[in-house]
Amino acid sequence: MLEGYSVLSIFWRVHEKCQAGTMVTGVIYRYPGILAKTVTTLDVLSKGRAYLGIGAAWNEREALRLGVPFPPVANASSGWKRRCKSFLQMWSGKARAHQGKHYSLQRR
């Protein structure tokens, strides 16, 4: 399976009018700030044609093979909600710090 954001980075060079993004990115695979930056960069490069599909993640075997800790299912849902709030806050232009159990975002 190819890494979605790497593929998308060249997709728009070939398809000049398509909108594209990942159907679902498991929230456990990237820190929220890095994922928001990745999608924002792709949106700029594609001239506003990128979108983010996000989910709680389900493939424990894949995560463990990649060296990514896999949280219990009960934690995944709340983690998904927290990260979605972080993305919306970052993209709103209203920078605020976030200090959480699993990640932190600083305003500097």
PDB file of N, CA and C in Angstrom:
ATOM      1  N   MET A   1       0.852  -1.175   0.000  1.00  0.00           N
ATOM      2  CA  MET A   1       0.000   0.000   0.000  1.00  0.00           C
ATOM      3  C   MET A   1       0.894   1.233   0.000  1.00  0.00           C
ATOM      4  N   LEU A   2       0.651   2.125  -0.909  1.00  0.00           N
ATOM      5  CA  LEU A   2       1.432   3.359  -0.983  1.00  0.00           C
ATOM      6  C   LEU A   2       0.984   4.348   0.091  1.00  0.00           C
ATOM      7  N   GLU A   3       1.877   5.229   0.480  1.00  0.00           N
ATOM      8  CA  GLU A   3       1.560   6.266   1.464  1.00  0.00           C
ATOM      9  C   GLU A   3       0.773   7.364   0.746  1.00  0.00           C
ATOM     10  N   GLY A   4      -0.425   7.639   1.237  1.00  0.00           N
ATOM     11  CA  GLY A   4      -1.378   8.500   0.547  1.00  0.00           C
ATOM     12  C   GLY A   4      -0.916   9.911   0.276  1.00  0.00           C
ATOM     13  N   TYR A   5      -0.303  10.565   1.243  1.00  0.00           N
ATOM     14  CA  TYR A   5       0.070  11.969   1.058  1.00  0.00           C
ATOM     15  C   TYR A   5       1.233  12.126   0.085  1.00  0.00           C
ATOM     16  N   SER A   6       2.106  11.141   0.021  1.00  0.00           N
ATOM     17  CA  SER A   6       3.182  11.182  -0.978  1.00  0.00           C
ATOM     18  C   SER A   6       2.606  11.066  -2.382  1.00  0.00           C
ATOM     19  N   VAL A   7       1.635  10.183  -2.550  1.00  0.00           N
ATOM     20  CA  VAL A   7       0.996  10.020  -3.854  1.00  0.00           C
ATOM     21  C   VAL A   7       0.235  11.283  -4.240  1.00  0.00           C
ATOM     22  N   LEU A   8      -0.495  11.860  -3.289  1.00  0.00           N
ATOM     23  CA  LEU A   8      -1.256  13.075  -3.584  1.00  0.00           C
ATOM     24  C   LEU A   8      -0.363  14.236  -3.987  1.00  0.00           C
ATOM     25  N   SER A   9       0.869  14.257  -3.472  1.00  0.00           N
ATOM     26  CA  SER A   9       1.762  15.371  -3.784  1.00  0.00           C
ATOM     27  C   SER A   9       2.102  15.436  -5.272  1.00  0.00           C
ATOM     28  N   ILE A  10       2.011  14.322  -5.990  1.00  0.00           N
ATOM     29  CA  ILE A  10       2.244  14.359  -7.436  1.00  0.00           C
ATOM     30  C   ILE A  10       0.946  14.220  -8.247  1.00  0.00           C
ATOM     31  N   PHE A  11      -0.128  13.818  -7.605  1.00  0.00           N
ATOM     32  CA  PHE A  11      -1.399  13.589  -8.293  1.00  0.00           C
ATOM     33  C   PHE A  11      -1.859  14.815  -9.078  1.00  0.00           C
ATOM     34  N   TRP A  12      -1.790  15.988  -8.438  1.00  0.00           N
ATOM     35  CA  TRP A  12      -2.329  17.193  -9.071  1.00  0.00           C
ATOM     36  C   TRP A  12      -1.477  17.695 -10.226  1.00  0.00           C
ATOM     37  N   ARG A  13      -0.257  17.222 -10.356  1.00  0.00           N
ATOM     38  CA  ARG A  13       0.558  17.583 -11.517  1.00  0.00           C
ATOM     39  C   ARG A  13      -0.012  16.928 -12.769  1.00  0.00           C
ATOM     40  N   VAL A  14      -0.616  15.749 -12.600  1.00  0.00           N
ATOM     41  CA  VAL A  14      -1.167  15.006 -13.723  1.00  0.00           C
ATOM     42  C   VAL A  14      -2.633  15.379 -13.956  1.00  0.00           C
ATOM     43  N   HIS A  15      -3.372  15.590 -12.890  1.00  0.00           N
ATOM     44  CA  HIS A  15      -4.803  15.885 -12.970  1.00  0.00           C
ATOM     45  C   HIS A  15      -5.036  17.321 -12.499  1.00  0.00           C
ATOM     46  N   GLU A  16      -5.189  18.213 -13.432  1.00  0.00           N
ATOM     47  CA  GLU A  16      -5.217  19.637 -13.114  1.00  0.00           C
ATOM     48  C   GLU A  16      -6.540  20.155 -12.567  1.00  0.00           C
ATOM     49  N   LYS A  17      -7.623  19.371 -12.667  1.00  0.00           N
ATOM     50  CA  LYS A  17      -8.914  19.873 -12.218  1.00  0.00           C
ATOM     51  C   LYS A  17      -9.565  19.020 -11.132  1.00  0.00           C
ATOM     52  N   CYS A  18      -8.978  17.905 -10.773  1.00  0.00           N
ATOM     53  CA  CYS A  18      -9.581  16.997  -9.793  1.00  0.00           C
ATOM     54  C   CYS A  18      -9.368  17.482  -8.368  1.00  0.00           C
ATOM     55  N   GLN A  19     -10.358  17.199  -7.550  1.00  0.00           N
ATOM     56  CA  GLN A  19     -10.227  17.391  -6.110  1.00  0.00           C
ATOM     57  C   GLN A  19      -9.862  16.019  -5.546  1.00  0.00           C
ATOM     58  N   ALA A  20      -8.973  15.963  -4.571  1.00  0.00           N
ATOM     59  CA  ALA A  20      -8.563  14.666  -4.041  1.00  0.00           C
ATOM     60  C   ALA A  20      -8.081  14.786  -2.613  1.00  0.00           C
ATOM     61  N   GLY A  21      -8.121  13.675  -1.932  1.00  0.00           N
ATOM     62  CA  GLY A  21      -7.631  13.577  -0.564  1.00  0.00           C
ATOM     63  C   GLY A  21      -7.681  12.125  -0.145  1.00  0.00           C
ATOM     64  N   THR A  22      -7.357  11.864   1.079  1.00  0.00           N
ATOM     65  CA  THR A  22      -7.451  10.499   1.573  1.00  0.00           C
ATOM     66  C   THR A  22      -8.890  10.228   1.994  1.00  0.00           C
ATOM     67  N   MET A  23      -9.377   9.017   1.717  1.00  0.00           N
ATOM     68  CA  MET A  23     -10.715   8.669   2.198  1.00  0.00           C
ATOM     69  C   MET A  23     -10.719   8.702   3.715  1.00  0.00           C
ATOM     70  N   VAL A  24      -9.727   8.038   4.299  1.00  0.00           N
ATOM     71  CA  VAL A  24      -9.604   8.028   5.758  1.00  0.00           C
ATOM     72  C   VAL A  24      -8.135   7.936   6.127  1.00  0.00           C
ATOM     73  N   THR A  25      -7.688   8.882   6.922  1.00  0.00           N
ATOM     74  CA  THR A  25      -6.365   8.825   7.529  1.00  0.00           C
ATOM     75  C   THR A  25      -6.578   8.444   8.985  1.00  0.00           C
ATOM     76  N   GLY A  26      -5.956   7.370   9.419  1.00  0.00           N
ATOM     77  CA  GLY A  26      -6.048   6.989  10.824  1.00  0.00           C
ATOM     78  C   GLY A  26      -5.324   8.011  11.686  1.00  0.00           C
ATOM     79  N   VAL A  27      -6.007   8.531  12.690  1.00  0.00           N
ATOM     80  CA  VAL A  27      -5.436   9.605  13.502  1.00  0.00           C
ATOM     81  C   VAL A  27      -4.184   9.191  14.256  1.00  0.00           C
ATOM     82  N   ILE A  28      -3.965   7.920  14.440  1.00  0.00           N
ATOM     83  CA  ILE A  28      -2.803   7.478  15.217  1.00  0.00           C
ATOM     84  C   ILE A  28      -1.493   7.568  14.441  1.00  0.00           C
ATOM     85  N   TYR A  29      -1.558   7.721  13.116  1.00  0.00           N
ATOM     86  CA  TYR A  29      -0.349   7.651  12.309  1.00  0.00           C
ATOM     87  C   TYR A  29       0.479   8.924  12.267  1.00  0.00           C
ATOM     88  N   ARG A  30      -0.107  10.066  12.627  1.00  0.00           N
ATOM     89  CA  ARG A  30       0.624  11.338  12.601  1.00  0.00           C
ATOM     90  C   ARG A  30       0.155  12.218  13.746  1.00  0.00           C
ATOM     91  N   TYR A  31       1.072  13.020  14.276  1.00  0.00           N
ATOM     92  CA  TYR A  31       0.675  14.021  15.259  1.00  0.00           C
ATOM     93  C   TYR A  31      -0.246  15.031  14.568  1.00  0.00           C
ATOM     94  N   PRO A  32      -1.212  15.583  15.278  1.00  0.00           N
ATOM     95  CA  PRO A  32      -2.181  16.486  14.658  1.00  0.00           C
ATOM     96  C   PRO A  32      -1.553  17.690  13.962  1.00  0.00           C
ATOM     97  N   GLY A  33      -0.561  18.318  14.574  1.00  0.00           N
ATOM     98  CA  GLY A  33       0.073  19.480  13.950  1.00  0.00           C
ATOM     99  C   GLY A  33       0.748  19.135  12.634  1.00  0.00           C
ATOM    100  N   ILE A  34       1.411  17.984  12.580  1.00  0.00           N
ATOM    101  CA  ILE A  34       2.092  17.548  11.350  1.00  0.00           C
ATOM    102  C   ILE A  34       1.070  17.208  10.272  1.00  0.00           C
ATOM    103  N   LEU A  35      -0.001  16.512  10.640  1.00  0.00           N
ATOM    104  CA  LEU A  35      -1.032  16.159   9.667  1.00  0.00           C
ATOM    105  C   LEU A  35      -1.716  17.408   9.125  1.00  0.00           C
ATOM    106  N   ALA A  36      -2.039  18.362   9.991  1.00  0.00           N
ATOM    107  CA  ALA A  36      -2.655  19.613   9.534  1.00  0.00           C
ATOM    108  C   ALA A  36      -1.725  20.342   8.574  1.00  0.00           C
ATOM    109  N   LYS A  37      -0.438  20.375   8.869  1.00  0.00           N
ATOM    110  CA  LYS A  37       0.541  21.033   8.012  1.00  0.00           C
ATOM    111  C   LYS A  37       0.659  20.313   6.667  1.00  0.00           C
ATOM    112  N   THR A  38       0.654  18.991   6.685  1.00  0.00           N
ATOM    113  CA  THR A  38       0.741  18.203   5.457  1.00  0.00           C
ATOM    114  C   THR A  38      -0.449  18.490   4.549  1.00  0.00           C
ATOM    115  N   VAL A  39      -1.651  18.447   5.108  1.00  0.00           N
ATOM    116  CA  VAL A  39      -2.855  18.680   4.312  1.00  0.00           C
ATOM    117  C   VAL A  39      -2.920  20.128   3.837  1.00  0.00           C
ATOM    118  N   THR A  40      -2.512  21.066   4.671  1.00  0.00           N
ATOM    119  CA  THR A  40      -2.481  22.475   4.277  1.00  0.00           C
ATOM    120  C   THR A  40      -1.513  22.689   3.117  1.00  0.00           C
ATOM    121  N   THR A  41      -0.346  22.068   3.195  1.00  0.00           N
ATOM    122  CA  THR A  41       0.642  22.175   2.119  1.00  0.00           C
ATOM    123  C   THR A  41       0.082  21.614   0.816  1.00  0.00           C
ATOM    124  N   LEU A  42      -0.549  20.443   0.893  1.00  0.00           N
ATOM    125  CA  LEU A  42      -1.136  19.848  -0.311  1.00  0.00           C
ATOM    126  C   LEU A  42      -2.268  20.718  -0.858  1.00  0.00           C
ATOM    127  N   ASP A  43      -3.022  21.353   0.027  1.00  0.00           N
ATOM    128  CA  ASP A  43      -4.101  22.226  -0.425  1.00  0.00           C
ATOM    129  C   ASP A  43      -3.543  23.430  -1.178  1.00  0.00           C
ATOM    130  N   VAL A  44      -2.443  23.983  -0.680  1.00  0.00           N
ATOM    131  CA  VAL A  44      -1.812  25.117  -1.365  1.00  0.00           C
ATOM    132  C   VAL A  44      -1.249  24.664  -2.715  1.00  0.00           C
ATOM    133  N   LEU A  45      -0.528  23.542  -2.733  1.00  0.00           N
ATOM    134  CA  LEU A  45       0.075  23.056  -3.978  1.00  0.00           C
ATOM    135  C   LEU A  45      -0.969  22.689  -5.030  1.00  0.00           C
ATOM    136  N   SER A  46      -2.137  22.225  -4.578  1.00  0.00           N
ATOM    137  CA  SER A  46      -3.199  21.825  -5.511  1.00  0.00           C
ATOM    138  C   SER A  46      -4.158  22.974  -5.823  1.00  0.00           C
ATOM    139  N   LYS A  47      -3.864  24.152  -5.311  1.00  0.00           N
ATOM    140  CA  LYS A  47      -4.694  25.343  -5.507  1.00  0.00           C
ATOM    141  C   LYS A  47      -6.108  25.132  -4.965  1.00  0.00           C
ATOM    142  N   GLY A  48      -6.164  24.613  -3.722  1.00  0.00           N
ATOM    143  CA  GLY A  48      -7.445  24.484  -3.032  1.00  0.00           C
ATOM    144  C   GLY A  48      -8.241  23.239  -3.339  1.00  0.00           C
ATOM    145  N   ARG A  49      -7.594  22.190  -3.833  1.00  0.00           N
ATOM    146  CA  ARG A  49      -8.335  20.983  -4.215  1.00  0.00           C
ATOM    147  C   ARG A  49      -8.104  19.798  -3.286  1.00  0.00           C
ATOM    148  N   ALA A  50      -7.472  20.010  -2.145  1.00  0.00           N
ATOM    149  CA  ALA A  50      -7.206  18.914  -1.206  1.00  0.00           C
ATOM    150  C   ALA A  50      -8.264  18.877  -0.112  1.00  0.00           C
ATOM    151  N   TYR A  51      -8.482  17.702   0.417  1.00  0.00           N
ATOM    152  CA  TYR A  51      -9.355  17.566   1.579  1.00  0.00           C
ATOM    153  C   TYR A  51      -8.795  16.491   2.492  1.00  0.00           C
ATOM    154  N   LEU A  52      -9.245  16.491   3.721  1.00  0.00           N
ATOM    155  CA  LEU A  52      -8.787  15.520   4.714  1.00  0.00           C
ATOM    156  C   LEU A  52      -9.949  14.620   5.116  1.00  0.00           C
ATOM    157  N   GLY A  53      -9.776  13.336   4.921  1.00  0.00           N
ATOM    158  CA  GLY A  53     -10.698  12.341   5.462  1.00  0.00           C
ATOM    159  C   GLY A  53     -10.005  11.728   6.664  1.00  0.00           C
ATOM    160  N   ILE A  54     -10.670  11.669   7.786  1.00  0.00           N
ATOM    161  CA  ILE A  54     -10.011  11.208   9.008  1.00  0.00           C
ATOM    162  C   ILE A  54     -10.884  10.215   9.756  1.00  0.00           C
ATOM    163  N   GLY A  55     -10.238   9.244  10.373  1.00  0.00           N
ATOM    164  CA  GLY A  55     -10.952   8.236  11.160  1.00  0.00           C
ATOM    165  C   GLY A  55     -10.130   7.811  12.361  1.00  0.00           C
ATOM    166  N   ALA A  56     -10.739   6.999  13.205  1.00  0.00           N
ATOM    167  CA  ALA A  56     -10.106   6.598  14.463  1.00  0.00           C
ATOM    168  C   ALA A  56      -8.981   5.587  14.258  1.00  0.00           C
ATOM    169  N   ALA A  57      -8.912   4.911  13.149  1.00  0.00           N
ATOM    170  CA  ALA A  57      -7.946   3.845  12.825  1.00  0.00           C
ATOM    171  C   ALA A  57      -8.426   2.523  13.388  1.00  0.00           C
ATOM    172  N   TRP A  58      -8.205   1.462  12.641  1.00  0.00           N
ATOM    173  CA  TRP A  58      -8.708   0.164  13.068  1.00  0.00           C
ATOM    174  C   TRP A  58      -7.695  -0.963  12.890  1.00  0.00           C
ATOM    175  N   ASN A  59      -6.699  -0.764  12.045  1.00  0.00           N
ATOM    176  CA  ASN A  59      -5.817  -1.865  11.674  1.00  0.00           C
ATOM    177  C   ASN A  59      -4.630  -1.969  12.638  1.00  0.00           C
ATOM    178  N   GLU A  60      -4.850  -2.679  13.712  1.00  0.00           N
ATOM    179  CA  GLU A  60      -3.820  -2.820  14.745  1.00  0.00           C
ATOM    180  C   GLU A  60      -2.556  -3.466  14.189  1.00  0.00           C
ATOM    181  N   ARG A  61      -2.719  -4.492  13.374  1.00  0.00           N
ATOM    182  CA  ARG A  61      -1.562  -5.190  12.817  1.00  0.00           C
ATOM    183  C   ARG A  61      -0.692  -4.254  11.977  1.00  0.00           C
ATOM    184  N   GLU A  62      -1.334  -3.436  11.128  1.00  0.00           N
ATOM    185  CA  GLU A  62      -0.576  -2.490  10.318  1.00  0.00           C
ATOM    186  C   GLU A  62       0.151  -1.476  11.192  1.00  0.00           C
ATOM    187  N   ALA A  63      -0.542  -0.933  12.173  1.00  0.00           N
ATOM    188  CA  ALA A  63       0.062   0.057  13.061  1.00  0.00           C
ATOM    189  C   ALA A  63       1.291  -0.521  13.755  1.00  0.00           C
ATOM    190  N   LEU A  64       1.155  -1.707  14.309  1.00  0.00           N
ATOM    191  CA  LEU A  64       2.271  -2.314  15.031  1.00  0.00           C
ATOM    192  C   LEU A  64       3.440  -2.630  14.100  1.00  0.00           C
ATOM    193  N   ARG A  65       3.140  -3.039  12.867  1.00  0.00           N
ATOM    194  CA  ARG A  65       4.213  -3.297  11.897  1.00  0.00           C
ATOM    195  C   ARG A  65       4.968  -2.020  11.541  1.00  0.00           C
ATOM    196  N   LEU A  66       4.269  -0.875  11.599  1.00  0.00           N
ATOM    197  CA  LEU A  66       4.905   0.409  11.303  1.00  0.00           C
ATOM    198  C   LEU A  66       5.565   1.026  12.527  1.00  0.00           C
ATOM    199  N   GLY A  67       5.426   0.370  13.680  1.00  0.00           N
ATOM    200  CA  GLY A  67       6.022   0.891  14.908  1.00  0.00           C
ATOM    201  C   GLY A  67       5.189   1.967  15.572  1.00  0.00           C
ATOM    202  N   VAL A  68       3.903   2.030  15.237  1.00  0.00           N
ATOM    203  CA  VAL A  68       3.002   3.037  15.799  1.00  0.00           C
ATOM    204  C   VAL A  68       2.201   2.395  16.926  1.00  0.00           C
ATOM    205  N   PRO A  69       2.223   2.969  18.119  1.00  0.00           N
ATOM    206  CA  PRO A  69       1.422   2.409  19.213  1.00  0.00           C
ATOM    207  C   PRO A  69      -0.055   2.417  18.835  1.00  0.00           C
ATOM    208  N   PHE A  70      -0.743   1.339  19.148  1.00  0.00           N
ATOM    209  CA  PHE A  70      -2.162   1.222  18.832  1.00  0.00           C
ATOM    210  C   PHE A  70      -2.972   1.331  20.119  1.00  0.00           C
ATOM    211  N   PRO A  71      -3.769   2.398  20.256  1.00  0.00           N
ATOM    212  CA  PRO A  71      -4.522   2.590  21.500  1.00  0.00           C
ATOM    213  C   PRO A  71      -5.722   1.648  21.589  1.00  0.00           C
ATOM    214  N   PRO A  72      -6.206   1.394  22.795  1.00  0.00           N
ATOM    215  CA  PRO A  72      -7.438   0.626  22.935  1.00  0.00           C
ATOM    216  C   PRO A  72      -8.577   1.325  22.197  1.00  0.00           C
ATOM    217  N   VAL A  73      -9.542   0.562  21.720  1.00  0.00           N
ATOM    218  CA  VAL A  73     -10.638   1.113  20.936  1.00  0.00           C
ATOM    219  C   VAL A  73     -11.355   2.240  21.676  1.00  0.00           C
ATOM    220  N   ALA A  74     -11.545   2.114  22.968  1.00  0.00           N
ATOM    221  CA  ALA A  74     -12.231   3.159  23.745  1.00  0.00           C
ATOM    222  C   ALA A  74     -11.490   4.487  23.668  1.00  0.00           C
ATOM    223  N   ASN A  75     -10.171   4.462  23.612  1.00  0.00           N
ATOM    224  CA  ASN A  75      -9.370   5.685  23.536  1.00  0.00           C
ATOM    225  C   ASN A  75      -9.370   6.283  22.129  1.00  0.00           C
ATOM    226  N   ALA A  76      -9.520   5.422  21.119  1.00  0.00           N
ATOM    227  CA  ALA A  76      -9.430   5.889  19.732  1.00  0.00           C
ATOM    228  C   ALA A  76     -10.527   6.889  19.405  1.00  0.00           C
ATOM    229  N   SER A  77     -11.732   6.635  19.861  1.00  0.00           N
ATOM    230  CA  SER A  77     -12.837   7.530  19.556  1.00  0.00           C
ATOM    231  C   SER A  77     -12.638   8.909  20.169  1.00  0.00           C
ATOM    232  N   SER A  78     -12.242   8.951  21.424  1.00  0.00           N
ATOM    233  CA  SER A  78     -12.024  10.254  22.050  1.00  0.00           C
ATOM    234  C   SER A  78     -10.813  10.954  21.440  1.00  0.00           C
ATOM    235  N   GLY A  79      -9.794  10.189  21.038  1.00  0.00           N
ATOM    236  CA  GLY A  79      -8.631  10.772  20.375  1.00  0.00           C
ATOM    237  C   GLY A  79      -8.993  11.386  19.039  1.00  0.00           C
ATOM    238  N   TRP A  80      -9.870  10.734  18.318  1.00  0.00           N
ATOM    239  CA  TRP A  80     -10.337  11.228  17.021  1.00  0.00           C
ATOM    240  C   TRP A  80     -11.038  12.568  17.200  1.00  0.00           C
ATOM    241  N   LYS A  81     -11.907  12.654  18.189  1.00  0.00           N
ATOM    242  CA  LYS A  81     -12.640  13.901  18.438  1.00  0.00           C
ATOM    243  C   LYS A  81     -11.699  15.035  18.824  1.00  0.00           C
ATOM    244  N   ARG A  82     -10.729  14.750  19.698  1.00  0.00           N
ATOM    245  CA  ARG A  82      -9.768  15.780  20.113  1.00  0.00           C
ATOM    246  C   ARG A  82      -8.966  16.294  18.925  1.00  0.00           C
ATOM    247  N   ARG A  83      -8.528  15.380  18.092  1.00  0.00           N
ATOM    248  CA  ARG A  83      -7.719  15.781  16.945  1.00  0.00           C
ATOM    249  C   ARG A  83      -8.540  16.593  15.944  1.00  0.00           C
ATOM    250  N   CYS A  84      -9.781  16.207  15.712  1.00  0.00           N
ATOM    251  CA  CYS A  84     -10.626  16.985  14.806  1.00  0.00           C
ATOM    252  C   CYS A  84     -10.791  18.408  15.315  1.00  0.00           C
ATOM    253  N   LYS A  85     -10.985  18.565  16.618  1.00  0.00           N
ATOM    254  CA  LYS A  85     -11.081  19.902  17.200  1.00  0.00           C
ATOM    255  C   LYS A  85      -9.775  20.670  16.988  1.00  0.00           C
ATOM    256  N   SER A  86      -8.650  19.971  17.130  1.00  0.00           N
ATOM    257  CA  SER A  86      -7.344  20.624  16.919  1.00  0.00           C
ATOM    258  C   SER A  86      -7.194  21.092  15.479  1.00  0.00           C
ATOM    259  N   PHE A  87      -7.586  20.246  14.508  1.00  0.00           N
ATOM    260  CA  PHE A  87      -7.479  20.636  13.094  1.00  0.00           C
ATOM    261  C   PHE A  87      -8.314  21.874  12.817  1.00  0.00           C
ATOM    262  N   LEU A  88      -9.555  21.872  13.270  1.00  0.00           N
ATOM    263  CA  LEU A  88     -10.441  23.003  13.023  1.00  0.00           C
ATOM    264  C   LEU A  88      -9.893  24.277  13.660  1.00  0.00           C
ATOM    265  N   GLN A  89      -9.359  24.137  14.864  1.00  0.00           N
ATOM    266  CA  GLN A  89      -8.787  25.298  15.555  1.00  0.00           C
ATOM    267  C   GLN A  89      -7.560  25.825  14.801  1.00  0.00           C
ATOM    268  N   MET A  90      -6.678  24.926  14.338  1.00  0.00           N
ATOM    269  CA  MET A  90      -5.481  25.357  13.607  1.00  0.00           C
ATOM    270  C   MET A  90      -5.857  26.041  12.301  1.00  0.00           C
ATOM    271  N   TRP A  91      -6.830  25.497  11.593  1.00  0.00           N
ATOM    272  CA  TRP A  91      -7.227  26.057  10.301  1.00  0.00           C
ATOM    273  C   TRP A  91      -8.079  27.314  10.450  1.00  0.00           C
ATOM    274  N   SER A  92      -8.585  27.590  11.638  1.00  0.00           N
ATOM    275  CA  SER A  92      -9.409  28.780  11.848  1.00  0.00           C
ATOM    276  C   SER A  92      -8.571  30.051  11.877  1.00  0.00           C
ATOM    277  N   GLY A  93      -7.274  29.915  12.077  1.00  0.00           N
ATOM    278  CA  GLY A  93      -6.393  31.073  12.179  1.00  0.00           C
ATOM    279  C   GLY A  93      -6.302  31.637  13.586  1.00  0.00           C
ATOM    280  N   LYS A  94      -7.003  31.004  14.514  1.00  0.00           N
ATOM    281  CA  LYS A  94      -6.965  31.442  15.912  1.00  0.00           C
ATOM    282  C   LYS A  94      -6.030  30.515  16.683  1.00  0.00           C
ATOM    283  N   ALA A  95      -4.772  30.881  16.726  1.00  0.00           N
ATOM    284  CA  ALA A  95      -3.768  30.037  17.368  1.00  0.00           C
ATOM    285  C   ALA A  95      -3.991  29.979  18.871  1.00  0.00           C
ATOM    286  N   ARG A  96      -4.086  28.779  19.395  1.00  0.00           N
ATOM    287  CA  ARG A  96      -4.206  28.558  20.835  1.00  0.00           C
ATOM    288  C   ARG A  96      -3.358  27.343  21.192  1.00  0.00           C
ATOM    289  N   ALA A  97      -2.825  27.382  22.376  1.00  0.00           N
ATOM    290  CA  ALA A  97      -2.048  26.245  22.863  1.00  0.00           C
ATOM    291  C   ALA A  97      -3.002  25.136  23.296  1.00  0.00           C
ATOM    292  N   HIS A  98      -2.524  23.908  23.209  1.00  0.00           N
ATOM    293  CA  HIS A  98      -3.284  22.757  23.696  1.00  0.00           C
ATOM    294  C   HIS A  98      -2.311  21.854  24.453  1.00  0.00           C
ATOM    295  N   GLN A  99      -2.627  21.538  25.661  1.00  0.00           N
ATOM    296  CA  GLN A  99      -1.808  20.625  26.457  1.00  0.00           C
ATOM    297  C   GLN A  99      -2.688  19.432  26.813  1.00  0.00           C
ATOM    298  N   GLY A 100      -2.462  18.326  26.140  1.00  0.00           N
ATOM    299  CA  GLY A 100      -3.278  17.143  26.377  1.00  0.00           C
ATOM    300  C   GLY A 100      -2.457  15.971  26.865  1.00  0.00           C
ATOM    301  N   LYS A 101      -3.126  14.881  27.083  1.00  0.00           N
ATOM    302  CA  LYS A 101      -2.479  13.669  27.566  1.00  0.00           C
ATOM    303  C   LYS A 101      -1.585  13.032  26.494  1.00  0.00           C
ATOM    304  N   HIS A 102      -2.015  13.121  25.227  1.00  0.00           N
ATOM    305  CA  HIS A 102      -1.319  12.413  24.153  1.00  0.00           C
ATOM    306  C   HIS A 102      -0.485  13.316  23.245  1.00  0.00           C
ATOM    307  N   TYR A 103      -0.788  14.599  23.210  1.00  0.00           N
ATOM    308  CA  TYR A 103      -0.009  15.535  22.400  1.00  0.00           C
ATOM    309  C   TYR A 103      -0.224  16.953  22.893  1.00  0.00           C
ATOM    310  N   SER A 104       0.682  17.835  22.513  1.00  0.00           N
ATOM    311  CA  SER A 104       0.604  19.248  22.892  1.00  0.00           C
ATOM    312  C   SER A 104       0.816  20.103  21.659  1.00  0.00           C
ATOM    313  N   LEU A 105       0.121  21.230  21.615  1.00  0.00           N
ATOM    314  CA  LEU A 105       0.317  22.223  20.561  1.00  0.00           C
ATOM    315  C   LEU A 105       0.649  23.519  21.275  1.00  0.00           C
ATOM    316  N   GLN A 106       1.738  24.134  20.891  1.00  0.00           N
ATOM    317  CA  GLN A 106       2.153  25.370  21.554  1.00  0.00           C
ATOM    318  C   GLN A 106       1.925  26.557  20.649  1.00  0.00           C
ATOM    319  N   ARG A 107       1.642  27.679  21.254  1.00  0.00           N
ATOM    320  CA  ARG A 107       1.491  28.926  20.508  1.00  0.00           C
ATOM    321  C   ARG A 107       2.750  29.744  20.755  1.00  0.00           C
ATOM    322  N   ARG A 108       3.503  29.986  19.718  1.00  0.00           N
ATOM    323  CA  ARG A 108       4.744  30.749  19.854  1.00  0.00           C
ATOM    324  C   ARG A 108       4.841  31.788  18.785  1.00  0.00           C
TER     325      ARG A 108
END
